N, C-alpha and C. Protein backbone atom coordinates (compact mmCIF):
# COMPACT_ATOMS: atom_id res chain seq x y z
N MET A 1 -17.88 10.42 15.45
CA MET A 1 -17.90 9.88 14.13
C MET A 1 -18.75 8.60 14.11
N ASP A 2 -19.76 8.44 13.31
CA ASP A 2 -20.53 7.20 13.36
C ASP A 2 -19.86 6.04 12.64
N MET A 3 -20.36 4.83 12.87
CA MET A 3 -19.72 3.64 12.37
C MET A 3 -19.60 3.65 10.89
N PHE A 4 -20.73 4.12 10.19
CA PHE A 4 -20.70 4.11 8.73
C PHE A 4 -19.61 4.95 8.15
N VAL A 5 -19.49 6.16 8.77
CA VAL A 5 -18.41 7.03 8.25
C VAL A 5 -17.07 6.42 8.48
N GLN A 6 -16.86 5.84 9.68
CA GLN A 6 -15.63 5.19 9.93
C GLN A 6 -15.17 4.09 8.96
N PHE A 7 -16.27 3.24 8.71
CA PHE A 7 -16.12 2.15 7.76
C PHE A 7 -15.81 2.63 6.34
N ASN A 8 -16.52 3.66 5.92
CA ASN A 8 -16.38 4.23 4.58
C ASN A 8 -14.94 4.76 4.46
N ARG A 9 -14.49 5.55 5.40
CA ARG A 9 -13.15 6.09 5.36
C ARG A 9 -12.13 4.94 5.39
N LYS A 10 -12.34 3.94 6.12
CA LYS A 10 -11.29 2.81 6.16
C LYS A 10 -11.29 2.18 4.76
N SER A 11 -12.48 2.00 4.09
CA SER A 11 -12.54 1.47 2.74
C SER A 11 -11.72 2.27 1.74
N ILE A 12 -11.91 3.58 1.88
CA ILE A 12 -11.23 4.54 1.01
C ILE A 12 -9.70 4.48 1.24
N ASP A 13 -9.34 4.41 2.54
CA ASP A 13 -7.88 4.34 2.91
C ASP A 13 -7.26 3.10 2.33
N ASP A 14 -7.95 1.93 2.53
CA ASP A 14 -7.43 0.62 2.00
C ASP A 14 -7.32 0.65 0.49
N ARG A 15 -8.29 1.17 -0.14
CA ARG A 15 -8.24 1.13 -1.66
C ARG A 15 -7.15 1.98 -2.18
N GLN A 16 -6.95 3.23 -1.50
CA GLN A 16 -5.88 4.06 -1.90
C GLN A 16 -4.49 3.50 -1.68
N MET A 17 -4.40 2.83 -0.49
CA MET A 17 -3.09 2.16 -0.26
C MET A 17 -2.76 1.09 -1.22
N ASP A 18 -3.79 0.29 -1.61
CA ASP A 18 -3.59 -0.77 -2.63
C ASP A 18 -3.10 -0.11 -3.85
N THR A 19 -3.71 1.02 -4.27
CA THR A 19 -3.37 1.71 -5.58
C THR A 19 -1.98 2.26 -5.42
N LEU A 20 -1.62 2.92 -4.30
CA LEU A 20 -0.33 3.47 -4.03
C LEU A 20 0.78 2.39 -4.17
N ILE A 21 0.52 1.23 -3.50
CA ILE A 21 1.49 0.17 -3.61
C ILE A 21 1.70 -0.24 -5.04
N GLY A 22 0.66 -0.33 -5.78
CA GLY A 22 0.71 -0.73 -7.16
C GLY A 22 1.46 0.33 -8.00
N LEU A 23 1.16 1.59 -7.82
CA LEU A 23 1.87 2.62 -8.48
C LEU A 23 3.35 2.58 -8.14
N SER A 24 3.70 2.42 -6.89
CA SER A 24 5.02 2.38 -6.44
C SER A 24 5.83 1.32 -7.15
N LYS A 25 5.19 0.13 -7.23
CA LYS A 25 5.90 -1.03 -7.80
C LYS A 25 6.11 -0.67 -9.25
N GLY A 26 5.13 -0.05 -10.02
CA GLY A 26 5.40 0.29 -11.43
C GLY A 26 6.45 1.37 -11.58
N LEU A 27 6.49 2.31 -10.77
CA LEU A 27 7.51 3.46 -10.81
C LEU A 27 8.85 2.95 -10.54
N VAL A 28 9.11 1.93 -9.68
CA VAL A 28 10.47 1.43 -9.31
C VAL A 28 10.83 0.33 -10.22
N ALA A 29 9.99 -0.03 -11.19
CA ALA A 29 10.33 -1.20 -12.07
C ALA A 29 11.57 -1.14 -12.82
N ASP A 30 12.01 0.09 -13.24
CA ASP A 30 13.19 0.31 -13.91
C ASP A 30 14.40 0.74 -13.03
N ARG A 31 14.09 0.79 -11.70
CA ARG A 31 15.06 1.10 -10.61
C ARG A 31 15.55 2.55 -10.75
N GLN A 32 14.73 3.39 -11.23
CA GLN A 32 15.08 4.78 -11.17
C GLN A 32 13.74 5.62 -11.28
N ILE A 33 13.84 6.83 -10.72
CA ILE A 33 12.62 7.75 -10.80
C ILE A 33 13.05 8.98 -11.48
N ASN A 34 12.34 9.34 -12.54
CA ASN A 34 12.65 10.58 -13.24
C ASN A 34 11.64 11.72 -12.82
N GLN A 35 11.91 12.90 -13.42
CA GLN A 35 11.05 14.06 -13.09
C GLN A 35 9.59 13.82 -13.38
N ALA A 36 9.31 13.30 -14.63
CA ALA A 36 7.88 13.05 -14.99
C ALA A 36 7.21 12.04 -14.07
N GLU A 37 7.88 11.12 -13.62
CA GLU A 37 7.35 10.08 -12.74
C GLU A 37 7.00 10.62 -11.41
N ALA A 38 7.94 11.51 -10.92
CA ALA A 38 7.74 12.16 -9.58
C ALA A 38 6.51 13.14 -9.65
N GLU A 39 6.45 13.84 -10.77
CA GLU A 39 5.30 14.79 -11.00
C GLU A 39 3.97 14.07 -11.08
N PHE A 40 4.04 12.88 -11.79
CA PHE A 40 2.79 12.02 -11.92
C PHE A 40 2.35 11.59 -10.54
N LEU A 41 3.31 11.08 -9.81
CA LEU A 41 2.95 10.69 -8.38
C LEU A 41 2.46 11.75 -7.48
N GLN A 42 3.06 12.96 -7.63
CA GLN A 42 2.71 14.04 -6.87
C GLN A 42 1.21 14.49 -7.13
N ASN A 43 0.88 14.48 -8.41
CA ASN A 43 -0.49 14.83 -8.80
C ASN A 43 -1.47 13.76 -8.38
N TRP A 44 -1.09 12.48 -8.40
CA TRP A 44 -2.04 11.48 -7.81
C TRP A 44 -2.24 11.65 -6.35
N LEU A 45 -1.21 11.95 -5.61
CA LEU A 45 -1.28 12.20 -4.13
C LEU A 45 -2.13 13.38 -3.85
N ILE A 46 -1.99 14.45 -4.62
CA ILE A 46 -2.79 15.63 -4.39
C ILE A 46 -4.29 15.35 -4.64
N GLN A 47 -4.59 14.64 -5.63
CA GLN A 47 -5.99 14.24 -5.95
C GLN A 47 -6.64 13.37 -4.86
N ASN A 48 -5.82 12.54 -4.26
CA ASN A 48 -6.30 11.55 -3.29
C ASN A 48 -6.16 12.04 -1.86
N ARG A 49 -5.35 13.08 -1.68
CA ARG A 49 -5.16 13.51 -0.22
C ARG A 49 -6.45 13.96 0.44
N GLN A 50 -7.29 14.70 -0.30
CA GLN A 50 -8.47 15.22 0.34
C GLN A 50 -9.49 14.19 0.87
N ALA A 51 -9.41 13.00 0.31
CA ALA A 51 -10.37 11.90 0.66
C ALA A 51 -9.88 11.01 1.74
N THR A 52 -8.73 11.28 2.32
CA THR A 52 -8.15 10.32 3.32
C THR A 52 -7.31 11.09 4.38
N GLU A 53 -7.28 10.44 5.53
CA GLU A 53 -6.34 10.89 6.59
C GLU A 53 -5.16 10.01 6.73
N ASN A 54 -4.96 9.14 5.69
CA ASN A 54 -3.89 8.12 5.75
C ASN A 54 -2.49 8.87 5.86
N PRO A 55 -1.74 8.66 6.97
CA PRO A 55 -0.47 9.40 7.03
C PRO A 55 0.56 9.04 6.03
N VAL A 56 0.46 7.88 5.40
CA VAL A 56 1.51 7.51 4.43
C VAL A 56 1.31 8.43 3.23
N ILE A 57 0.09 8.64 2.78
CA ILE A 57 -0.21 9.52 1.66
C ILE A 57 0.18 10.91 1.94
N GLY A 58 -0.20 11.45 3.10
CA GLY A 58 0.15 12.82 3.53
C GLY A 58 1.63 13.07 3.60
N ASN A 59 2.36 12.04 4.20
CA ASN A 59 3.78 12.26 4.41
C ASN A 59 4.54 12.09 3.07
N LEU A 60 4.08 11.21 2.21
CA LEU A 60 4.72 11.13 0.86
C LEU A 60 4.49 12.37 -0.01
N LEU A 61 3.32 12.93 0.14
CA LEU A 61 3.01 14.12 -0.60
C LEU A 61 3.96 15.26 -0.14
N SER A 62 4.10 15.36 1.18
CA SER A 62 4.98 16.40 1.73
C SER A 62 6.33 16.27 1.17
N LYS A 63 6.91 14.97 1.23
CA LYS A 63 8.27 14.75 0.83
C LYS A 63 8.45 15.13 -0.67
N ILE A 64 7.58 14.69 -1.51
CA ILE A 64 7.69 14.99 -2.92
C ILE A 64 7.56 16.51 -3.22
N SER A 65 6.69 17.15 -2.49
CA SER A 65 6.40 18.56 -2.72
C SER A 65 7.59 19.40 -2.42
N VAL A 66 8.36 19.00 -1.38
CA VAL A 66 9.58 19.64 -1.06
C VAL A 66 10.65 19.39 -2.14
N MET A 67 10.76 18.12 -2.55
CA MET A 67 11.71 17.80 -3.62
C MET A 67 11.46 18.56 -4.96
N LEU A 68 10.21 18.82 -5.27
CA LEU A 68 9.82 19.44 -6.55
C LEU A 68 9.57 20.96 -6.40
N GLU A 69 9.86 21.50 -5.24
CA GLU A 69 9.62 22.95 -4.88
C GLU A 69 10.36 23.87 -5.84
N ASP A 70 11.62 23.46 -6.28
CA ASP A 70 12.36 24.27 -7.15
C ASP A 70 12.19 23.89 -8.57
N GLY A 71 11.29 22.89 -8.85
CA GLY A 71 10.95 22.52 -10.24
C GLY A 71 11.86 21.52 -10.81
N VAL A 72 12.85 21.01 -10.05
CA VAL A 72 13.78 20.06 -10.49
C VAL A 72 13.97 18.90 -9.52
N LEU A 73 13.92 17.65 -9.97
CA LEU A 73 14.23 16.50 -9.21
C LEU A 73 15.73 16.12 -9.47
N ASP A 74 16.54 16.48 -8.57
CA ASP A 74 17.96 16.16 -8.84
C ASP A 74 18.27 14.79 -8.48
N ALA A 75 19.57 14.32 -8.75
CA ALA A 75 19.98 12.93 -8.54
C ALA A 75 19.73 12.40 -7.08
N GLU A 76 20.16 13.25 -6.18
CA GLU A 76 20.05 12.92 -4.79
C GLU A 76 18.58 12.70 -4.33
N GLU A 77 17.68 13.56 -4.82
CA GLU A 77 16.29 13.55 -4.47
C GLU A 77 15.62 12.28 -5.22
N SER A 78 16.13 11.97 -6.34
CA SER A 78 15.61 10.89 -7.17
C SER A 78 15.92 9.58 -6.40
N ALA A 79 17.18 9.45 -5.93
CA ALA A 79 17.55 8.29 -5.13
C ALA A 79 16.81 8.14 -3.82
N GLU A 80 16.57 9.28 -3.15
CA GLU A 80 15.78 9.21 -1.91
C GLU A 80 14.35 8.80 -2.16
N LEU A 81 13.74 9.33 -3.19
CA LEU A 81 12.32 8.96 -3.57
C LEU A 81 12.26 7.53 -3.92
N LEU A 82 13.29 7.06 -4.71
CA LEU A 82 13.27 5.64 -5.11
C LEU A 82 13.27 4.71 -3.89
N GLU A 83 14.17 5.04 -2.89
CA GLU A 83 14.27 4.29 -1.69
C GLU A 83 12.93 4.32 -0.87
N THR A 84 12.25 5.50 -0.86
CA THR A 84 11.04 5.56 -0.17
C THR A 84 9.94 4.69 -0.81
N LEU A 85 9.88 4.66 -2.15
CA LEU A 85 8.88 3.82 -2.85
C LEU A 85 9.28 2.34 -2.75
N TYR A 86 10.48 2.01 -2.56
CA TYR A 86 10.85 0.61 -2.23
C TYR A 86 10.27 0.21 -0.90
N GLN A 87 10.30 1.10 0.05
CA GLN A 87 9.84 0.81 1.41
C GLN A 87 8.28 0.61 1.29
N ILE A 88 7.54 1.39 0.45
CA ILE A 88 6.18 1.23 0.32
C ILE A 88 5.79 -0.13 -0.45
N SER A 89 6.54 -0.41 -1.54
CA SER A 89 6.14 -1.45 -2.42
C SER A 89 6.88 -2.76 -2.16
N GLY A 90 8.01 -2.76 -1.49
CA GLY A 90 8.75 -3.97 -1.32
C GLY A 90 9.84 -3.97 -2.43
N LYS A 91 10.38 -5.15 -2.64
CA LYS A 91 11.52 -5.22 -3.65
C LYS A 91 11.03 -4.82 -5.09
N PRO A 92 11.94 -4.41 -5.95
CA PRO A 92 11.60 -3.96 -7.31
C PRO A 92 10.93 -5.08 -8.08
N SER A 93 9.96 -4.67 -8.88
CA SER A 93 9.27 -5.65 -9.75
C SER A 93 9.72 -5.60 -11.16
N GLU A 94 9.53 -6.70 -11.89
CA GLU A 94 9.99 -6.64 -13.33
C GLU A 94 8.93 -5.86 -14.14
N PHE A 95 9.34 -5.36 -15.26
CA PHE A 95 8.45 -4.49 -16.05
C PHE A 95 7.28 -5.42 -16.48
N GLY A 96 6.09 -4.87 -16.34
CA GLY A 96 4.86 -5.50 -16.73
C GLY A 96 4.29 -6.42 -15.62
N GLU A 97 4.97 -6.59 -14.53
CA GLU A 97 4.47 -7.50 -13.48
C GLU A 97 3.11 -7.13 -13.01
N LEU A 98 2.85 -5.78 -12.90
CA LEU A 98 1.56 -5.36 -12.34
C LEU A 98 0.45 -5.72 -13.33
N ALA A 99 0.73 -5.53 -14.57
CA ALA A 99 -0.37 -5.75 -15.59
C ALA A 99 -0.62 -7.27 -15.73
N ARG A 100 0.23 -8.11 -15.21
CA ARG A 100 -0.04 -9.54 -15.33
C ARG A 100 -0.78 -10.08 -14.12
N ALA A 101 -1.08 -9.26 -13.19
CA ALA A 101 -1.83 -9.70 -12.01
C ALA A 101 -3.05 -10.47 -12.34
N ALA A 102 -3.33 -11.49 -11.59
CA ALA A 102 -4.44 -12.41 -11.86
C ALA A 102 -5.79 -11.65 -11.89
N ALA A 103 -5.90 -10.61 -11.09
CA ALA A 103 -7.14 -9.92 -10.98
C ALA A 103 -7.45 -9.10 -12.23
N LEU A 104 -6.48 -8.88 -13.13
CA LEU A 104 -6.68 -8.10 -14.31
C LEU A 104 -7.27 -9.00 -15.39
N PRO A 105 -8.33 -8.56 -16.14
CA PRO A 105 -9.02 -9.45 -17.09
C PRO A 105 -8.37 -9.58 -18.46
N ILE A 106 -7.01 -9.83 -18.47
CA ILE A 106 -6.37 -9.89 -19.70
C ILE A 106 -6.66 -11.25 -20.44
N ASN A 107 -6.59 -11.25 -21.71
CA ASN A 107 -6.75 -12.48 -22.49
C ASN A 107 -5.60 -13.53 -22.16
N ASP A 108 -5.99 -14.70 -21.86
CA ASP A 108 -5.05 -15.76 -21.57
C ASP A 108 -5.33 -17.00 -22.31
N PRO A 109 -4.48 -17.42 -23.29
CA PRO A 109 -3.20 -16.89 -23.58
C PRO A 109 -3.28 -15.55 -24.34
N ALA A 110 -2.26 -14.65 -24.25
CA ALA A 110 -2.28 -13.42 -24.96
C ALA A 110 -2.27 -13.70 -26.40
N PRO A 111 -3.02 -13.06 -27.21
CA PRO A 111 -3.08 -13.26 -28.71
C PRO A 111 -1.94 -12.65 -29.48
N GLN A 112 -1.70 -13.14 -30.62
CA GLN A 112 -0.74 -12.46 -31.49
C GLN A 112 -1.45 -11.18 -31.95
N ILE A 113 -0.74 -10.08 -32.13
CA ILE A 113 -1.34 -8.85 -32.49
C ILE A 113 -1.11 -8.55 -33.99
N ALA A 114 -2.23 -8.39 -34.69
CA ALA A 114 -2.20 -7.88 -36.13
C ALA A 114 -2.34 -6.43 -36.08
N PHE A 115 -1.21 -5.69 -36.29
CA PHE A 115 -1.37 -4.23 -36.20
C PHE A 115 -2.02 -3.60 -37.40
N GLU A 116 -1.66 -4.16 -38.53
CA GLU A 116 -2.21 -3.56 -39.83
C GLU A 116 -3.73 -3.47 -39.82
N GLY A 117 -4.33 -2.32 -39.85
CA GLY A 117 -5.78 -2.19 -40.01
C GLY A 117 -6.53 -2.38 -38.65
N SER A 118 -5.83 -2.78 -37.59
CA SER A 118 -6.57 -2.99 -36.27
C SER A 118 -6.77 -1.77 -35.50
N THR A 119 -7.71 -1.78 -34.60
CA THR A 119 -8.00 -0.61 -33.77
C THR A 119 -7.62 -0.79 -32.32
N PHE A 120 -7.03 0.18 -31.68
CA PHE A 120 -6.47 0.21 -30.35
C PHE A 120 -7.01 1.33 -29.50
N VAL A 121 -7.22 0.99 -28.16
CA VAL A 121 -7.48 1.93 -27.15
C VAL A 121 -6.52 1.71 -26.08
N PHE A 122 -5.90 2.77 -25.52
CA PHE A 122 -5.03 2.60 -24.29
C PHE A 122 -5.67 3.15 -23.13
N THR A 123 -5.48 2.51 -22.00
CA THR A 123 -6.09 2.97 -20.76
C THR A 123 -5.05 2.84 -19.64
N GLY A 124 -5.19 3.67 -18.62
CA GLY A 124 -4.17 3.65 -17.48
C GLY A 124 -2.93 4.39 -17.93
N THR A 125 -1.95 4.28 -17.14
CA THR A 125 -0.66 4.97 -17.42
C THR A 125 0.41 3.98 -17.93
N CYS A 126 1.02 4.37 -19.06
CA CYS A 126 1.91 3.46 -19.75
C CYS A 126 3.35 3.72 -19.28
N ALA A 127 4.15 2.75 -19.28
CA ALA A 127 5.60 2.85 -18.95
C ALA A 127 6.49 3.29 -20.02
N LEU A 128 6.09 3.01 -21.30
CA LEU A 128 6.99 3.33 -22.43
C LEU A 128 6.85 4.74 -22.88
N GLY A 129 5.95 5.53 -22.37
CA GLY A 129 5.84 6.91 -22.79
C GLY A 129 4.36 7.45 -22.50
N THR A 130 4.11 8.62 -23.06
CA THR A 130 2.76 9.07 -22.94
C THR A 130 1.73 8.34 -23.80
N ARG A 131 0.45 8.55 -23.65
CA ARG A 131 -0.49 7.89 -24.43
C ARG A 131 -0.33 8.26 -25.90
N LYS A 132 -0.02 9.58 -26.11
CA LYS A 132 0.26 10.02 -27.46
C LYS A 132 1.46 9.33 -28.10
N ASP A 133 2.44 9.05 -27.37
CA ASP A 133 3.59 8.26 -27.89
C ASP A 133 3.18 6.86 -28.36
N CYS A 134 2.36 6.26 -27.51
CA CYS A 134 1.96 4.88 -27.79
C CYS A 134 1.00 4.90 -29.05
N GLN A 135 0.09 5.92 -29.17
CA GLN A 135 -0.73 6.01 -30.30
C GLN A 135 0.01 6.27 -31.55
N LYS A 136 1.13 7.05 -31.52
CA LYS A 136 1.94 7.23 -32.68
C LYS A 136 2.57 5.97 -33.15
N ALA A 137 3.00 5.14 -32.16
CA ALA A 137 3.60 3.87 -32.44
C ALA A 137 2.59 2.94 -33.14
N VAL A 138 1.39 3.00 -32.74
CA VAL A 138 0.34 2.16 -33.39
C VAL A 138 0.15 2.57 -34.82
N GLU A 139 0.09 3.95 -35.02
CA GLU A 139 -0.01 4.38 -36.44
C GLU A 139 1.17 4.02 -37.25
N HIS A 140 2.36 4.14 -36.67
CA HIS A 140 3.56 3.71 -37.42
C HIS A 140 3.51 2.26 -37.88
N LEU A 141 2.81 1.43 -37.08
CA LEU A 141 2.80 -0.01 -37.43
C LEU A 141 1.58 -0.31 -38.21
N GLY A 142 0.78 0.70 -38.62
CA GLY A 142 -0.30 0.40 -39.55
C GLY A 142 -1.67 0.23 -38.88
N GLY A 143 -1.71 0.52 -37.53
CA GLY A 143 -2.95 0.39 -36.85
C GLY A 143 -3.69 1.72 -36.70
N HIS A 144 -4.80 1.73 -36.06
CA HIS A 144 -5.70 2.90 -35.84
C HIS A 144 -5.98 3.03 -34.43
N ASN A 145 -6.07 4.34 -33.93
CA ASN A 145 -6.44 4.61 -32.55
C ASN A 145 -7.87 5.09 -32.57
N ILE A 146 -8.72 4.62 -31.64
CA ILE A 146 -10.01 5.19 -31.44
C ILE A 146 -10.19 5.64 -30.01
N ALA A 147 -11.12 6.50 -29.79
CA ALA A 147 -11.24 7.18 -28.54
C ALA A 147 -11.87 6.31 -27.40
N ASN A 148 -12.86 5.47 -27.79
CA ASN A 148 -13.58 4.70 -26.84
C ASN A 148 -13.68 3.29 -27.11
N VAL A 149 -14.08 2.50 -26.14
CA VAL A 149 -14.34 1.06 -26.29
C VAL A 149 -15.69 0.89 -27.04
N THR A 150 -15.61 0.32 -28.20
CA THR A 150 -16.84 0.02 -28.99
C THR A 150 -16.72 -1.43 -29.56
N LYS A 151 -17.72 -1.82 -30.23
CA LYS A 151 -17.66 -3.22 -30.84
C LYS A 151 -16.67 -3.24 -31.99
N LYS A 152 -16.19 -2.09 -32.36
CA LYS A 152 -15.19 -2.03 -33.50
C LYS A 152 -13.76 -2.09 -33.01
N LEU A 153 -13.63 -2.08 -31.62
CA LEU A 153 -12.34 -2.16 -31.06
C LEU A 153 -11.67 -3.56 -31.19
N ASN A 154 -10.45 -3.61 -31.48
CA ASN A 154 -9.77 -4.96 -31.60
C ASN A 154 -8.95 -5.20 -30.28
N TYR A 155 -8.25 -4.17 -29.78
CA TYR A 155 -7.35 -4.38 -28.61
C TYR A 155 -7.47 -3.22 -27.67
N LEU A 156 -7.71 -3.61 -26.40
CA LEU A 156 -7.71 -2.64 -25.23
C LEU A 156 -6.34 -2.93 -24.55
N VAL A 157 -5.46 -1.87 -24.61
CA VAL A 157 -4.14 -2.10 -23.92
C VAL A 157 -4.11 -1.47 -22.61
N LEU A 158 -3.74 -2.29 -21.56
CA LEU A 158 -3.70 -1.82 -20.25
C LEU A 158 -2.26 -1.35 -19.91
N GLY A 159 -2.09 -0.08 -19.52
CA GLY A 159 -0.89 0.46 -19.16
C GLY A 159 -0.25 -0.29 -18.00
N SER A 160 1.11 -0.32 -17.98
CA SER A 160 1.80 -1.16 -16.95
C SER A 160 1.55 -0.72 -15.50
N TYR A 161 1.07 0.50 -15.34
CA TYR A 161 0.77 0.93 -14.02
C TYR A 161 -0.63 0.73 -13.62
N VAL A 162 -1.41 -0.05 -14.38
CA VAL A 162 -2.74 -0.50 -13.96
C VAL A 162 -2.52 -1.58 -12.99
N THR A 163 -3.18 -1.40 -11.79
CA THR A 163 -3.02 -2.39 -10.76
C THR A 163 -4.33 -3.21 -10.60
N ASP A 164 -4.26 -4.20 -9.63
CA ASP A 164 -5.43 -5.04 -9.40
C ASP A 164 -6.56 -4.37 -8.76
N SER A 165 -6.38 -3.08 -8.50
CA SER A 165 -7.51 -2.28 -7.93
C SER A 165 -8.13 -1.38 -9.06
N TRP A 166 -8.01 -1.86 -10.30
CA TRP A 166 -8.47 -1.11 -11.47
C TRP A 166 -9.98 -0.74 -11.37
N ALA A 167 -10.71 -1.60 -10.72
CA ALA A 167 -12.17 -1.37 -10.74
C ALA A 167 -12.49 -0.05 -10.01
N HIS A 168 -11.66 0.42 -9.13
CA HIS A 168 -11.86 1.63 -8.41
C HIS A 168 -11.34 2.89 -9.04
N GLU A 169 -10.65 2.71 -10.20
CA GLU A 169 -10.05 3.81 -10.87
C GLU A 169 -10.96 4.36 -11.95
N THR A 170 -10.67 5.60 -12.37
CA THR A 170 -11.49 6.25 -13.36
C THR A 170 -11.58 5.49 -14.71
N PHE A 171 -10.44 4.80 -14.99
CA PHE A 171 -10.45 4.04 -16.32
C PHE A 171 -11.13 2.70 -16.23
N GLY A 172 -11.61 2.35 -15.03
CA GLY A 172 -12.20 1.00 -14.85
C GLY A 172 -13.37 0.75 -15.73
N ARG A 173 -14.14 1.80 -16.11
CA ARG A 173 -15.31 1.68 -16.95
C ARG A 173 -14.93 1.13 -18.35
N LYS A 174 -13.84 1.57 -18.85
CA LYS A 174 -13.36 1.04 -20.23
C LYS A 174 -13.07 -0.42 -20.08
N ILE A 175 -12.52 -0.90 -19.04
CA ILE A 175 -12.11 -2.31 -18.90
C ILE A 175 -13.42 -3.06 -18.77
N GLU A 176 -14.35 -2.55 -17.87
CA GLU A 176 -15.66 -3.31 -17.71
C GLU A 176 -16.37 -3.42 -19.10
N LYS A 177 -16.38 -2.32 -19.85
CA LYS A 177 -17.12 -2.34 -21.14
C LYS A 177 -16.49 -3.38 -22.07
N ALA A 178 -15.11 -3.36 -22.09
CA ALA A 178 -14.44 -4.33 -22.97
C ALA A 178 -14.74 -5.71 -22.55
N MET A 179 -14.81 -5.96 -21.24
CA MET A 179 -15.12 -7.36 -20.84
C MET A 179 -16.53 -7.71 -21.25
N ASP A 180 -17.44 -6.76 -21.14
CA ASP A 180 -18.79 -7.09 -21.50
C ASP A 180 -18.85 -7.47 -23.01
N TYR A 181 -18.29 -6.72 -23.87
CA TYR A 181 -18.23 -7.01 -25.31
C TYR A 181 -17.60 -8.32 -25.60
N ARG A 182 -16.52 -8.61 -24.90
CA ARG A 182 -15.74 -9.85 -25.05
C ARG A 182 -16.64 -11.09 -24.66
N ASP A 183 -17.38 -10.85 -23.58
CA ASP A 183 -18.28 -11.96 -23.11
C ASP A 183 -19.38 -12.24 -24.10
N LEU A 184 -19.71 -11.19 -24.87
CA LEU A 184 -20.78 -11.34 -25.88
C LEU A 184 -20.36 -11.91 -27.14
N GLY A 185 -19.03 -12.22 -27.25
CA GLY A 185 -18.53 -12.76 -28.45
C GLY A 185 -17.81 -11.83 -29.37
N VAL A 186 -17.70 -10.56 -28.97
CA VAL A 186 -17.04 -9.55 -29.87
C VAL A 186 -15.58 -9.92 -29.91
N PRO A 187 -14.92 -9.95 -31.06
CA PRO A 187 -13.50 -10.34 -31.15
C PRO A 187 -12.60 -9.20 -30.67
N LEU A 188 -12.65 -8.97 -29.38
CA LEU A 188 -11.88 -7.92 -28.74
C LEU A 188 -10.93 -8.51 -27.74
N ALA A 189 -9.73 -8.16 -27.76
CA ALA A 189 -8.69 -8.68 -26.74
C ALA A 189 -8.28 -7.64 -25.83
N ILE A 190 -8.20 -7.95 -24.50
CA ILE A 190 -7.66 -7.09 -23.54
C ILE A 190 -6.18 -7.58 -23.27
N ILE A 191 -5.23 -6.76 -23.51
CA ILE A 191 -3.76 -7.04 -23.40
C ILE A 191 -2.99 -6.18 -22.56
N THR A 192 -1.78 -6.59 -22.17
CA THR A 192 -0.96 -5.69 -21.38
C THR A 192 -0.08 -4.86 -22.22
N GLU A 193 0.39 -3.82 -21.71
CA GLU A 193 1.29 -2.87 -22.47
C GLU A 193 2.59 -3.65 -22.86
N GLU A 194 3.01 -4.50 -21.96
CA GLU A 194 4.25 -5.26 -22.15
C GLU A 194 4.10 -6.16 -23.47
N HIS A 195 2.92 -6.87 -23.51
CA HIS A 195 2.67 -7.79 -24.68
C HIS A 195 2.50 -6.94 -26.02
N TRP A 196 1.85 -5.81 -25.88
CA TRP A 196 1.69 -4.94 -27.01
C TRP A 196 3.03 -4.48 -27.55
N ALA A 197 3.94 -4.06 -26.61
CA ALA A 197 5.27 -3.56 -26.95
C ALA A 197 6.12 -4.68 -27.61
N LYS A 198 6.07 -5.88 -27.06
CA LYS A 198 6.83 -6.95 -27.56
C LYS A 198 6.43 -7.37 -28.98
N CYS A 199 5.09 -7.41 -29.21
CA CYS A 199 4.63 -7.73 -30.57
C CYS A 199 4.96 -6.70 -31.49
N GLY A 200 5.02 -5.38 -31.06
CA GLY A 200 5.34 -4.31 -31.99
C GLY A 200 6.75 -4.07 -32.15
N GLY A 201 7.61 -4.86 -31.56
CA GLY A 201 9.09 -4.73 -31.56
C GLY A 201 9.59 -3.51 -30.81
N LEU A 202 8.81 -3.14 -29.82
CA LEU A 202 9.13 -1.89 -29.05
C LEU A 202 9.87 -2.14 -27.72
N ALA A 203 9.91 -3.39 -27.34
CA ALA A 203 10.58 -3.72 -26.09
C ALA A 203 11.45 -4.97 -26.35
């Protein structure tokens, strides 16, 4: 194996581990792992397994696959998976801790959110529910959801599982585009899911 291939594989492995640690912190934030969270993590591991020889990713995928083999994550398996993710991520983090990481380009100070008539885009994985759940909440509060980041966007909401390795993820382009518009003076704010939920009375 030549040096370039070795270096490239190491870069991929390092990036994936950073993301896995971030995901693990987000998943253990409420100190429990449910079926949907386990399936989400399993899907991420499957998608990333082919690009790495990292034993942590391979072993975790094997463990979760056995747990979900019968289609049900029981209480004992949930507790075991929670303990495993603690070992990967360290002590439990508070809700929203990941999204407040300094490497994330959120507006500081966070702005007050005017829901009525404002436009929203969600990116990354949210802790409060699916993207559709969050979009329904926006509509209930008088706001509007749009599909992409444009100059008409008022708020880009970063899901709580967005980590400081966001630039390497598929949703990174939305964040970069929002940053570009914001730098040009477009009145667009990049906010955390936690801040959005608090302003909307959802947390």
